[in-house]
Amino acid sequence: MVTYYWYRFSDQPAMLNADLNAEEREQVQFRVKKLHRTGAKDRIYLTPPDAGTIAQIDPALILTPPCGMEAGYVPIATRLE
């Protein structure tokens, strides 16, 4: 079982330890929120690799954000049992 919490992107622990000031974190938050609102799931953002294979994602790992947290929030795993 995995326990996770939804954080604003700029308030997640990694961002709080990224040596950014509050204004810089808010700029990042603005960009992430815009990306979440305008990004399409079926759009190709990176060209496929020239060698190797692309990793597959287990569909069970895809989460649906709670109401009101669809843009600008990310799930952060805090416990694994």
Protein backbone atom coordinates (compact mmCIF):
# COMPACT_ATOMS: atom_id res chain seq x y z
CA MET A 1 0.00 0.00 0.00
CA VAL A 2 1.26 3.45 -0.92
CA THR A 3 0.22 6.52 1.05
CA TYR A 4 0.49 9.82 -0.76
CA TYR A 5 -0.57 13.44 -0.34
CA TRP A 6 -1.31 16.07 -2.96
CA TYR A 7 1.03 19.08 -2.84
CA ARG A 8 1.08 22.27 -4.80
CA PHE A 9 3.99 21.65 -7.16
CA SER A 10 6.06 24.48 -5.69
CA ASP A 11 5.37 23.36 -2.10
CA GLN A 12 6.51 19.76 -2.47
CA PRO A 13 9.55 18.86 -0.35
CA ALA A 14 11.97 18.72 -3.29
CA MET A 15 11.04 22.24 -4.39
CA LEU A 16 11.30 23.60 -0.85
CA ASN A 17 14.89 22.28 -0.77
CA ALA A 18 15.79 23.51 -4.28
CA ASP A 19 17.44 26.77 -3.17
CA LEU A 20 14.71 28.91 -4.76
CA ASN A 21 13.16 31.94 -3.13
CA ALA A 22 9.38 32.29 -2.77
CA GLU A 23 9.04 34.39 -5.93
CA GLU A 24 10.99 31.87 -8.02
CA ARG A 25 8.87 29.01 -6.68
CA GLU A 26 5.69 30.92 -7.57
CA GLN A 27 6.99 31.41 -11.13
CA VAL A 28 7.48 27.65 -11.37
CA GLN A 29 4.01 27.07 -9.89
CA PHE A 30 2.48 29.36 -12.53
CA ARG A 31 4.20 27.44 -15.35
CA VAL A 32 3.24 24.02 -13.99
CA LYS A 33 -0.37 25.10 -13.57
CA LYS A 34 -0.42 26.36 -17.16
CA LEU A 35 1.14 23.10 -18.40
CA HIS A 36 -1.44 21.02 -16.50
CA ARG A 37 -4.29 23.07 -18.01
CA THR A 38 -3.04 23.11 -21.60
CA GLY A 39 -1.08 19.87 -21.91
CA ALA A 40 -2.70 17.03 -23.83
CA LYS A 41 -2.27 13.41 -22.73
CA ASP A 42 -1.99 12.19 -26.33
CA ARG A 43 0.53 14.81 -27.47
CA ILE A 44 4.13 13.73 -28.12
CA TYR A 45 6.37 16.10 -26.12
CA LEU A 46 9.73 14.40 -26.76
CA THR A 47 10.95 12.63 -29.85
CA PRO A 48 11.25 8.86 -29.43
CA PRO A 49 14.75 7.58 -28.57
CA ASP A 50 17.05 6.39 -31.38
CA ALA A 51 17.99 3.30 -29.38
CA GLY A 52 16.43 1.16 -26.68
CA THR A 53 12.80 1.02 -25.72
CA ILE A 54 10.41 3.36 -23.98
CA ALA A 55 9.42 2.38 -20.46
CA GLN A 56 5.85 1.32 -19.82
CA ILE A 57 3.82 2.82 -16.98
CA ASP A 58 1.59 0.56 -14.92
CA PRO A 59 -1.93 2.01 -15.33
CA ALA A 60 -2.52 1.45 -11.59
CA LEU A 61 0.03 4.21 -10.96
CA ILE A 62 -1.99 6.83 -12.84
CA LEU A 63 -3.92 8.88 -10.29
CA THR A 64 -6.93 11.13 -10.69
CA PRO A 65 -6.48 14.37 -8.78
CA PRO A 66 -9.09 15.34 -6.20
CA CYS A 67 -11.57 18.03 -7.21
CA GLY A 68 -9.85 21.41 -7.23
CA MET A 69 -6.35 19.92 -7.55
CA GLU A 70 -6.38 19.12 -11.26
CA ALA A 71 -3.87 21.85 -12.15
CA GLY A 72 -0.74 22.74 -10.23
CA TYR A 73 -0.78 19.81 -7.79
CA VAL A 74 1.23 16.58 -7.73
CA PRO A 75 0.95 13.40 -5.64
CA ILE A 76 3.92 12.74 -3.36
CA ALA A 77 4.33 9.27 -1.87
CA THR A 78 5.03 9.48 1.85
CA ARG A 79 4.77 5.86 2.97
CA LEU A 80 5.08 2.38 1.49
CA GLU A 81 3.85 -0.78 3.24
